[in-house]
Amino acid sequence: MMETIKQKKQLSPFKILAIGFATVILTGGILLSLPISSVSGQYTSLLDSIFTATSAVCVTGLVVVDTGTYWSFFGQNVILLLIEIGGLGFMAMSTIFALLLGKKISLRERLVMQEAYNTFTLQGVINHVRYMLFFTLAVQGSAALVLMTQFIPKHGMARGIYYGIFHSISAFNNAGFDLLGNFNSLTLVNDNKVILLTLGLLINIGGLGYLVWREILNGVRTKKKLKNFTLHAKVVLTISFVLLSLGTLLMLIFEWNNPATMEGMRFSDKLINSFFSATTPRTAGFNSISNSEMSPASKLLTMAYMFIGGSPGSTAGGVKTTTLGIVIFTLISVLKGREDAEVYHRKLSQSTVYRAVAVFLLGITIVVLGVMILSISEVSASFEVILYEVLSAFGTVGLSQGLTPSLSVVGRITLAIIMYLGRVGPLTVMLALAGRQGKVNIKYPEGKLLIG
């Protein structure tokens, strides 16, 4: 009897993930509210601190105060630590500490990690965490060295090294926080090809997912062809390549003659800024050209990309590339009159399709509700700006048209909740709140509905 009660009190992996992220956010918010965290040496309001901590842990980049000028060195490093925890996942960080201390990882902790990193089995989950750590440090360290070559000549040795490390971590984790000051992001260095290409590559590397990169690197070592990759890797790489290449081309076309963004640039700068503008909505938050002065077509494309986001098991947010792929492949199968969704000559299980549709619809629901609330609380803002900001929060992107710093209390709380839902995952949060019910083998009589 006591054993049964104990089992009921145990938290599900979904609840552990949801509570864990919330705990990290609250801790970070309290640290950022302290006088030591601000340049002025004064307390920061708890709401602004928690909003910033949420944005950092959820690797979003939306800010109510300028990161480079408001926060002290201590505050910036708290943000940097929160970004790293948010990107790797708090379970990875706790596992790394446990391994360093020589502690054993329980089966329950392995189940939570399996859910957190979207791995298919429990086998090798600890090795996966070790791989994540080494891969992250290698990529971030290499990129930081490259960025230092650009920042040191302009900002001096100490600040240049710090800027290289900070922006490397921020970009790899798709966070979008920058230290260049005055909410300018990268618009003042949009002619620096090294910075834009390095950060763009970091964003794409972080957004593909650790499992996919592990398979790519193993494939390079063993000379394995793409057709022999797992279905997951093939779908992620295909959707990511199409989105990036199509986005770069469309951004180039939409902004070519826009005097407020790219008209005065050389062709090479236009191409790189188009690549960067197609990369950051999925889901980094840096911008090299003005978001508010983009053409309407570019804004619409950016909003669509923010909703899609990156890939499962990565540092990115959004509904994910695989979710989009499954929805598209299911639609194609329906149009072809097939009963099962198919991709690369493989049938997708019903549970996979149901999960993808659920994530997609929950994402739309969260965005719609968020827009409704902000339309009431931010009466002076236009619908376009509100939708842009909500999609940026849900996709954990961080791009802004300037609304976030002037948000009301209700608006800030709403966007903070949306960022949290976008990072943890809407389906994970819903399952944490509802709890998983045991499977009941009941089949009801088939019903018929008219569709379309």
Protein backbone atom coordinates (compact mmCIF):
# COMPACT_ATOMS: atom_id res chain seq x y z
CA MET A 1 0.00 0.00 0.00
CA MET A 2 2.77 2.45 0.99
CA GLU A 3 4.67 1.52 -2.16
CA THR A 4 1.64 2.38 -4.30
CA ILE A 5 1.26 5.80 -2.60
CA LYS A 6 4.96 6.50 -3.14
CA GLN A 7 4.66 5.66 -6.83
CA LYS A 8 1.69 8.02 -7.19
CA LYS A 9 3.66 10.84 -5.61
CA GLN A 10 6.50 10.47 -8.10
CA LEU A 11 6.59 13.15 -10.75
CA SER A 12 6.35 12.20 -14.40
CA PRO A 13 9.25 13.14 -16.72
CA PHE A 14 7.03 15.86 -18.23
CA LYS A 15 6.44 17.45 -14.82
CA ILE A 16 10.12 17.24 -13.89
CA LEU A 17 11.05 19.07 -17.11
CA ALA A 18 8.38 21.74 -16.64
CA ILE A 19 9.22 22.34 -12.97
CA GLY A 20 12.97 22.17 -13.58
CA PHE A 21 12.95 24.92 -16.19
CA ALA A 22 10.67 27.06 -13.99
CA THR A 23 13.05 26.63 -11.03
CA VAL A 24 16.09 27.69 -13.09
CA ILE A 25 14.16 30.75 -14.36
CA LEU A 26 13.13 31.80 -10.85
CA THR A 27 16.67 31.39 -9.51
CA GLY A 28 18.09 33.40 -12.40
CA GLY A 29 15.45 36.09 -11.92
CA ILE A 30 16.34 36.51 -8.26
CA LEU A 31 20.08 36.81 -9.09
CA LEU A 32 19.39 39.40 -11.79
CA SER A 33 17.27 41.49 -9.43
CA LEU A 34 20.24 42.02 -7.06
CA PRO A 35 22.15 45.34 -7.16
CA ILE A 36 25.35 43.56 -8.23
CA SER A 37 23.67 42.57 -11.50
CA SER A 38 23.00 46.11 -12.79
CA VAL A 39 25.43 48.82 -13.89
CA SER A 40 23.62 51.36 -11.70
CA GLY A 41 24.07 49.18 -8.60
CA GLN A 42 20.35 49.35 -7.85
CA TYR A 43 17.76 46.60 -7.49
CA THR A 44 16.00 45.62 -10.72
CA SER A 45 12.27 44.95 -10.54
CA LEU A 46 11.55 41.26 -10.06
CA LEU A 47 9.24 41.23 -13.10
CA ASP A 48 11.94 42.60 -15.42
CA SER A 49 14.50 40.22 -13.90
CA ILE A 50 12.29 37.17 -14.31
CA PHE A 51 11.38 38.24 -17.86
CA THR A 52 15.10 38.48 -18.73
CA ALA A 53 15.84 35.15 -17.01
CA THR A 54 12.95 33.53 -18.91
CA SER A 55 14.27 34.93 -22.18
CA ALA A 56 17.77 33.60 -21.38
CA VAL A 57 16.75 30.11 -20.18
CA CYS A 58 14.29 29.78 -23.05
CA VAL A 59 17.11 31.00 -25.36
CA THR A 60 14.86 33.66 -26.84
CA GLY A 61 16.57 37.04 -26.74
CA LEU A 62 13.57 39.32 -26.17
CA VAL A 63 14.66 41.98 -23.67
CA VAL A 64 12.99 44.79 -21.74
CA VAL A 65 16.37 46.47 -20.98
CA ASP A 66 19.46 46.62 -23.17
CA THR A 67 21.80 43.72 -22.35
CA GLY A 68 25.02 45.53 -23.20
CA THR A 69 24.40 48.74 -21.26
CA TYR A 70 22.02 47.87 -18.40
CA TRP A 71 23.53 44.71 -16.90
CA SER A 72 26.88 44.65 -15.12
CA PHE A 73 29.61 42.10 -15.86
CA PHE A 74 28.10 39.89 -13.13
CA GLY A 75 24.59 40.27 -14.57
CA GLN A 76 25.77 39.51 -18.10
CA ASN A 77 27.49 36.35 -16.90
CA VAL A 78 24.34 35.24 -15.07
CA ILE A 79 22.51 35.66 -18.40
CA LEU A 80 25.28 33.75 -20.18
CA LEU A 81 25.04 30.86 -17.70
CA LEU A 82 21.25 30.78 -18.05
CA ILE A 83 21.62 30.67 -21.85
CA GLU A 84 24.01 27.71 -21.63
CA ILE A 85 21.71 25.88 -19.21
CA GLY A 86 18.72 26.62 -21.41
CA GLY A 87 20.50 25.47 -24.56
CA LEU A 88 21.97 22.27 -23.17
CA GLY A 89 19.00 21.65 -20.90
CA PHE A 90 19.05 21.64 -17.12
CA MET A 91 19.00 17.83 -17.09
CA ALA A 92 22.26 17.76 -19.07
CA MET A 93 23.86 20.21 -16.65
CA SER A 94 22.75 18.22 -13.59
CA THR A 95 23.92 14.98 -15.24
CA ILE A 96 27.34 16.48 -15.98
CA PHE A 97 27.74 17.54 -12.34
CA ALA A 98 26.57 14.10 -11.15
CA LEU A 99 29.11 12.36 -13.40
CA LEU A 100 31.89 14.67 -12.18
CA LEU A 101 30.97 13.79 -8.59
CA GLY A 102 30.93 10.09 -9.44
CA LYS A 103 27.21 9.60 -8.78
CA LYS A 104 25.10 7.03 -10.61
CA ILE A 105 22.29 8.17 -12.89
CA SER A 106 19.00 6.50 -11.98
CA LEU A 107 16.54 4.98 -14.45
CA ARG A 108 14.07 7.77 -13.70
CA GLU A 109 16.65 10.44 -14.54
CA ARG A 110 17.42 8.61 -17.79
CA LEU A 111 13.70 8.64 -18.68
CA VAL A 112 13.57 12.41 -18.12
CA MET A 113 16.64 12.88 -20.33
CA GLN A 114 15.07 10.72 -23.03
CA GLU A 115 12.02 13.00 -23.03
CA ALA A 116 14.12 16.18 -22.84
CA TYR A 117 16.34 15.33 -25.81
CA ASN A 118 13.80 13.46 -27.92
CA THR A 119 15.93 10.34 -28.17
CA PHE A 120 14.21 7.18 -29.35
CA THR A 121 15.57 4.83 -26.66
CA LEU A 122 17.18 4.92 -23.21
CA GLN A 123 20.25 3.14 -24.54
CA GLY A 124 23.27 5.44 -24.69
CA VAL A 125 21.49 8.48 -23.21
CA ILE A 126 24.41 9.21 -20.84
CA ASN A 127 26.91 8.95 -23.69
CA HIS A 128 24.68 11.33 -25.62
CA VAL A 129 24.97 13.90 -22.82
CA ARG A 130 28.78 13.54 -22.83
CA TYR A 131 28.78 13.98 -26.60
CA MET A 132 26.58 17.09 -26.28
CA LEU A 133 29.04 18.66 -23.84
CA PHE A 134 32.17 18.00 -25.93
CA PHE A 135 30.47 19.00 -29.19
CA THR A 136 29.14 22.22 -27.63
CA LEU A 137 32.50 23.24 -26.15
CA ALA A 138 34.36 22.43 -29.39
CA VAL A 139 32.00 24.42 -31.63
CA GLN A 140 31.60 27.36 -29.25
CA GLY A 141 35.35 27.53 -28.55
CA SER A 142 36.31 27.47 -32.25
CA ALA A 143 33.74 30.13 -33.16
CA ALA A 144 34.76 32.31 -30.22
CA LEU A 145 38.35 32.37 -31.47
CA VAL A 146 37.17 33.48 -34.93
CA LEU A 147 34.94 36.19 -33.47
CA MET A 148 37.78 37.46 -31.27
CA THR A 149 39.75 38.34 -34.40
CA GLN A 150 36.98 40.80 -35.26
CA PHE A 151 36.15 42.15 -31.79
CA ILE A 152 39.68 42.60 -30.34
CA PRO A 153 40.85 45.22 -32.89
CA LYS A 154 37.75 47.33 -32.21
CA HIS A 155 37.11 46.77 -28.48
CA GLY A 156 40.53 45.90 -27.06
CA MET A 157 41.97 42.60 -25.81
CA ALA A 158 39.87 41.92 -22.68
CA ARG A 159 36.54 43.13 -24.06
CA GLY A 160 37.22 41.55 -27.46
CA ILE A 161 37.83 38.11 -25.89
CA TYR A 162 34.71 38.48 -23.74
CA TYR A 163 32.59 39.58 -26.71
CA GLY A 164 33.83 36.60 -28.74
CA ILE A 165 32.88 34.12 -26.01
CA PHE A 166 29.53 35.75 -25.20
CA HIS A 167 28.29 36.01 -28.79
CA SER A 168 29.53 32.50 -29.65
CA ILE A 169 27.53 30.97 -26.78
CA SER A 170 24.51 33.16 -27.55
CA ALA A 171 24.50 32.22 -31.25
CA PHE A 172 25.11 28.48 -30.81
CA ASN A 173 22.27 28.29 -28.30
CA ASN A 174 20.04 30.32 -30.63
CA ALA A 175 19.59 32.91 -27.87
CA GLY A 176 20.12 36.19 -29.74
CA PHE A 177 21.46 38.20 -26.78
CA ASP A 178 24.14 40.70 -27.81
CA LEU A 179 26.42 43.20 -26.05
CA LEU A 180 26.75 45.78 -28.83
CA GLY A 181 24.35 48.13 -27.05
CA ASN A 182 21.28 50.31 -27.56
CA PHE A 183 19.10 47.52 -29.02
CA ASN A 184 21.06 47.71 -32.29
CA SER A 185 21.86 43.99 -32.44
CA LEU A 186 24.19 43.45 -35.43
CA THR A 187 22.93 46.29 -37.65
CA LEU A 188 26.14 48.28 -37.04
CA VAL A 189 28.33 45.38 -38.24
CA ASN A 190 26.18 44.16 -41.15
CA ASP A 191 29.13 44.75 -43.50
CA ASN A 192 31.38 42.41 -41.50
CA LYS A 193 31.19 39.13 -43.38
CA VAL A 194 33.24 37.17 -40.82
CA ILE A 195 30.90 38.03 -37.93
CA LEU A 196 27.70 37.39 -39.89
CA LEU A 197 28.88 34.11 -41.44
CA THR A 198 30.32 32.81 -38.16
CA LEU A 199 27.17 33.61 -36.17
CA GLY A 200 24.96 32.33 -39.01
CA LEU A 201 26.81 29.00 -39.09
CA LEU A 202 26.63 28.73 -35.29
CA ILE A 203 22.87 29.29 -35.36
CA ASN A 204 22.40 26.62 -38.03
CA ILE A 205 24.67 24.14 -36.22
CA GLY A 206 22.82 24.65 -32.94
CA GLY A 207 19.43 24.47 -34.66
CA LEU A 208 19.97 21.11 -36.39
CA GLY A 209 20.13 19.08 -33.19
CA TYR A 210 22.80 17.01 -31.49
CA LEU A 211 21.50 13.67 -32.79
CA VAL A 212 21.66 14.86 -36.39
CA TRP A 213 25.18 16.25 -36.02
CA ARG A 214 26.33 13.03 -34.39
CA GLU A 215 25.01 11.15 -37.40
CA ILE A 216 26.58 13.61 -39.85
CA LEU A 217 30.02 13.36 -38.22
CA ASN A 218 29.78 9.55 -38.06
CA GLY A 219 28.70 9.56 -41.71
CA VAL A 220 31.70 11.66 -42.73
CA ARG A 221 34.03 9.33 -40.82
CA THR A 222 32.54 6.16 -42.32
CA LYS A 223 31.77 7.73 -45.73
CA LYS A 224 28.08 6.91 -45.33
CA LYS A 225 25.78 8.38 -48.01
CA LEU A 226 22.79 10.57 -47.13
CA LYS A 227 20.33 7.92 -48.36
CA ASN A 228 21.63 5.60 -45.63
CA PHE A 229 20.98 8.10 -42.82
CA THR A 230 18.10 7.56 -40.40
CA LEU A 231 14.68 8.86 -41.42
CA HIS A 232 14.87 11.54 -38.71
CA ALA A 233 18.18 12.92 -39.99
CA LYS A 234 17.02 12.90 -43.63
CA VAL A 235 13.81 14.79 -42.83
CA VAL A 236 15.62 17.35 -40.64
CA LEU A 237 18.34 17.99 -43.23
CA THR A 238 15.88 18.18 -46.13
CA ILE A 239 13.45 20.59 -44.45
CA SER A 240 16.29 22.71 -43.02
CA PHE A 241 18.04 22.99 -46.40
CA VAL A 242 14.84 23.93 -48.23
CA LEU A 243 13.89 26.55 -45.62
CA LEU A 244 17.37 28.10 -45.56
CA SER A 245 17.95 28.22 -49.31
CA LEU A 246 14.40 29.35 -50.13
CA GLY A 247 14.48 31.93 -47.33
CA THR A 248 17.81 33.36 -48.52
CA LEU A 249 16.51 33.71 -52.08
CA LEU A 250 13.20 35.30 -51.03
CA MET A 251 14.89 37.73 -48.61
CA LEU A 252 17.26 38.78 -51.39
CA ILE A 253 14.33 39.43 -53.72
CA PHE A 254 12.10 41.16 -51.13
CA GLU A 255 14.82 43.49 -49.78
CA TRP A 256 16.88 44.10 -52.94
CA ASN A 257 15.51 47.60 -53.57
CA ASN A 258 14.47 48.47 -50.02
CA PRO A 259 16.29 51.77 -49.22
CA ALA A 260 15.87 51.16 -45.46
CA THR A 261 17.65 47.79 -45.51
CA MET A 262 19.72 46.50 -48.46
CA GLU A 263 19.43 48.86 -51.42
CA GLY A 264 22.79 50.56 -50.82
CA MET A 265 24.73 47.33 -50.19
CA ARG A 266 27.09 45.54 -52.55
CA PHE A 267 25.83 42.22 -53.96
CA SER A 268 28.05 40.14 -51.64
CA ASP A 269 26.71 42.03 -48.59
CA LYS A 270 23.13 41.65 -49.83
CA LEU A 271 23.64 37.89 -50.21
CA ILE A 272 25.18 37.44 -46.75
CA ASN A 273 22.56 39.61 -45.05
CA SER A 274 19.82 37.66 -46.86
CA PHE A 275 21.36 34.40 -45.63
CA PHE A 276 21.57 35.82 -42.11
CA SER A 277 17.99 37.14 -42.23
CA ALA A 278 16.74 33.70 -43.33
CA THR A 279 18.76 32.03 -40.56
CA THR A 280 17.95 34.11 -37.47
CA PRO A 281 14.15 33.58 -37.42
CA ARG A 282 14.92 29.88 -36.75
CA THR A 283 15.39 30.80 -33.89
CA ALA A 284 18.26 33.09 -32.90
CA GLY A 285 17.04 36.66 -32.57
CA PHE A 286 20.02 38.55 -33.98
CA ASN A 287 19.25 40.95 -36.81
CA SER A 288 21.62 42.63 -39.26
CA ILE A 289 18.97 44.80 -40.92
CA SER A 290 16.08 46.68 -39.31
CA ASN A 291 13.13 44.38 -38.55
CA SER A 292 10.60 47.21 -38.46
CA GLU A 293 11.73 48.58 -41.85
CA MET A 294 11.62 45.28 -43.74
CA SER A 295 9.13 44.92 -46.58
CA PRO A 296 5.74 43.38 -45.66
CA ALA A 297 6.66 40.20 -47.57
CA SER A 298 9.89 39.81 -45.56
CA LYS A 299 8.03 40.35 -42.29
CA LEU A 300 5.49 37.67 -43.23
CA LEU A 301 8.27 35.24 -44.19
CA THR A 302 10.07 35.98 -40.91
CA MET A 303 6.90 35.32 -38.89
CA ALA A 304 6.34 32.00 -40.67
CA TYR A 305 9.94 30.94 -39.99
CA MET A 306 9.67 31.97 -36.32
CA PHE A 307 6.67 29.66 -35.91
CA ILE A 308 8.49 26.73 -37.57
CA GLY A 309 11.74 27.13 -35.63
CA GLY A 310 14.58 24.61 -35.58
CA SER A 311 14.80 20.84 -35.13
CA PRO A 312 14.02 18.47 -32.22
CA GLY A 313 16.76 17.92 -29.66
CA SER A 314 18.45 21.20 -30.65
CA THR A 315 18.88 24.59 -29.00
CA ALA A 316 16.08 26.05 -31.14
CA GLY A 317 12.39 26.56 -30.42
CA GLY A 318 9.24 26.66 -32.57
CA VAL A 319 7.05 23.72 -33.57
CA LYS A 320 10.17 22.18 -35.18
CA THR A 321 11.10 21.19 -38.73
CA THR A 322 10.02 17.57 -38.31
CA THR A 323 6.55 18.67 -37.19
CA LEU A 324 6.22 20.79 -40.33
CA GLY A 325 7.53 17.89 -42.42
CA ILE A 326 5.04 15.41 -40.97
CA VAL A 327 2.13 17.80 -41.53
CA ILE A 328 3.21 18.36 -45.15
CA PHE A 329 3.82 14.65 -45.82
CA THR A 330 0.44 13.79 -44.29
CA LEU A 331 -1.26 16.37 -46.52
CA ILE A 332 0.50 14.95 -49.60
CA SER A 333 -0.59 11.42 -48.65
CA VAL A 334 -4.21 12.59 -48.24
CA LEU A 335 -4.13 14.31 -51.64
CA LYS A 336 -2.75 11.12 -53.20
CA GLY A 337 -5.56 9.11 -51.60
CA ARG A 338 -3.28 7.06 -49.35
CA GLU A 339 -4.37 5.89 -45.91
CA ASP A 340 -0.94 6.26 -44.30
CA ALA A 341 1.44 9.21 -44.18
CA GLU A 342 4.62 8.27 -46.03
CA VAL A 343 8.08 9.81 -46.31
CA TYR A 344 11.18 8.42 -48.03
CA HIS A 345 9.34 5.13 -48.64
CA ARG A 346 8.60 4.74 -44.94
CA LYS A 347 5.20 4.73 -43.25
CA LEU A 348 4.78 7.11 -40.31
CA SER A 349 3.01 5.67 -37.28
CA GLN A 350 -0.34 7.12 -36.23
CA SER A 351 1.10 8.20 -32.88
CA THR A 352 3.82 10.21 -34.66
CA VAL A 353 1.28 11.94 -36.90
CA TYR A 354 -1.06 12.62 -33.96
CA ARG A 355 1.79 14.10 -31.91
CA ALA A 356 2.89 16.36 -34.78
CA VAL A 357 -0.65 17.60 -35.41
CA ALA A 358 -1.14 18.17 -31.68
CA VAL A 359 2.07 20.24 -31.42
CA PHE A 360 1.13 22.24 -34.54
CA LEU A 361 -2.39 23.00 -33.30
CA LEU A 362 -1.25 23.77 -29.75
CA GLY A 363 1.30 26.16 -31.20
CA ILE A 364 -1.38 27.98 -33.21
CA THR A 365 -3.64 28.08 -30.14
CA ILE A 366 -0.92 29.61 -27.94
CA VAL A 367 -0.11 32.25 -30.55
CA VAL A 368 -3.78 33.17 -31.06
CA LEU A 369 -4.41 33.46 -27.31
CA GLY A 370 -1.24 35.51 -26.88
CA VAL A 371 -2.24 37.92 -29.64
CA MET A 372 -5.71 38.30 -28.11
CA ILE A 373 -4.30 39.16 -24.66
CA LEU A 374 -1.72 41.63 -26.01
CA SER A 375 -4.34 43.26 -28.26
CA ILE A 376 -6.20 44.14 -25.06
CA SER A 377 -3.21 45.08 -22.89
CA GLU A 378 -1.19 46.94 -25.56
CA VAL A 379 -3.90 49.09 -27.17
CA SER A 380 -1.42 51.46 -28.86
CA ALA A 381 0.39 48.67 -30.75
CA SER A 382 -0.67 47.52 -34.21
CA PHE A 383 -1.87 43.98 -34.88
CA GLU A 384 1.18 43.27 -37.06
CA VAL A 385 3.64 44.28 -34.32
CA ILE A 386 1.77 42.25 -31.68
CA LEU A 387 1.65 39.14 -33.88
CA TYR A 388 5.36 39.54 -34.67
CA GLU A 389 6.26 39.80 -30.98
CA VAL A 390 4.11 36.83 -29.93
CA LEU A 391 5.51 34.60 -32.68
CA SER A 392 9.02 35.67 -31.66
CA ALA A 393 8.29 34.68 -28.06
CA PHE A 394 6.68 31.35 -28.96
CA GLY A 395 9.47 30.40 -31.37
CA THR A 396 12.03 31.52 -28.73
CA VAL A 397 13.48 33.75 -31.44
CA GLY A 398 14.03 37.17 -29.90
CA LEU A 399 13.45 39.33 -32.97
CA SER A 400 11.46 42.44 -32.11
CA GLN A 401 9.90 45.47 -33.72
CA GLY A 402 10.46 47.48 -30.57
CA LEU A 403 7.33 46.53 -28.61
CA THR A 404 8.89 44.42 -25.83
CA PRO A 405 10.69 47.22 -23.88
CA SER A 406 7.41 49.20 -23.63
CA LEU A 407 5.15 46.28 -22.70
CA SER A 408 2.70 46.61 -19.82
CA VAL A 409 2.88 44.29 -16.80
CA VAL A 410 0.24 42.02 -18.35
CA GLY A 411 2.12 42.02 -21.66
CA ARG A 412 5.43 41.07 -20.04
CA ILE A 413 3.88 38.26 -18.03
CA THR A 414 2.09 36.98 -21.15
CA LEU A 415 5.24 36.95 -23.29
CA ALA A 416 7.23 35.31 -20.46
CA ILE A 417 4.67 32.47 -20.27
CA ILE A 418 4.69 32.10 -24.07
CA MET A 419 8.52 31.91 -24.10
CA TYR A 420 8.36 29.22 -21.41
CA LEU A 421 5.78 27.21 -23.35
CA GLY A 422 7.79 27.58 -26.55
CA ARG A 423 11.04 26.31 -24.97
CA VAL A 424 9.73 23.47 -22.82
CA GLY A 425 7.30 22.49 -25.56
CA PRO A 426 3.53 23.02 -25.57
CA LEU A 427 2.82 19.29 -25.63
CA THR A 428 5.22 18.61 -22.73
CA VAL A 429 3.56 21.30 -20.62
CA MET A 430 0.06 20.05 -21.46
CA LEU A 431 1.02 16.47 -20.57
CA ALA A 432 2.64 17.71 -17.35
CA LEU A 433 -0.58 19.47 -16.37
CA ALA A 434 -2.87 16.63 -17.43
CA GLY A 435 -0.71 13.65 -16.53
CA ARG A 436 -0.52 10.57 -18.71
CA GLN A 437 -3.41 8.20 -18.36
CA GLY A 438 -2.89 4.51 -18.66
CA LYS A 439 -3.78 2.93 -21.98
CA VAL A 440 -7.30 1.54 -22.11
CA ASN A 441 -7.95 -0.99 -24.85
CA ILE A 442 -11.42 0.19 -25.80
CA LYS A 443 -12.44 0.63 -29.43
CA TYR A 444 -15.57 2.60 -30.19
CA PRO A 445 -17.84 2.14 -33.25
CA GLU A 446 -16.65 4.09 -36.27
CA GLY A 447 -18.41 7.42 -36.88
CA LYS A 448 -18.57 9.46 -40.08
CA LEU A 449 -18.09 13.20 -40.53
CA LEU A 450 -18.22 15.37 -43.64
CA ILE A 451 -14.83 17.03 -44.27
CA GLY A 452 -14.07 20.07 -46.45
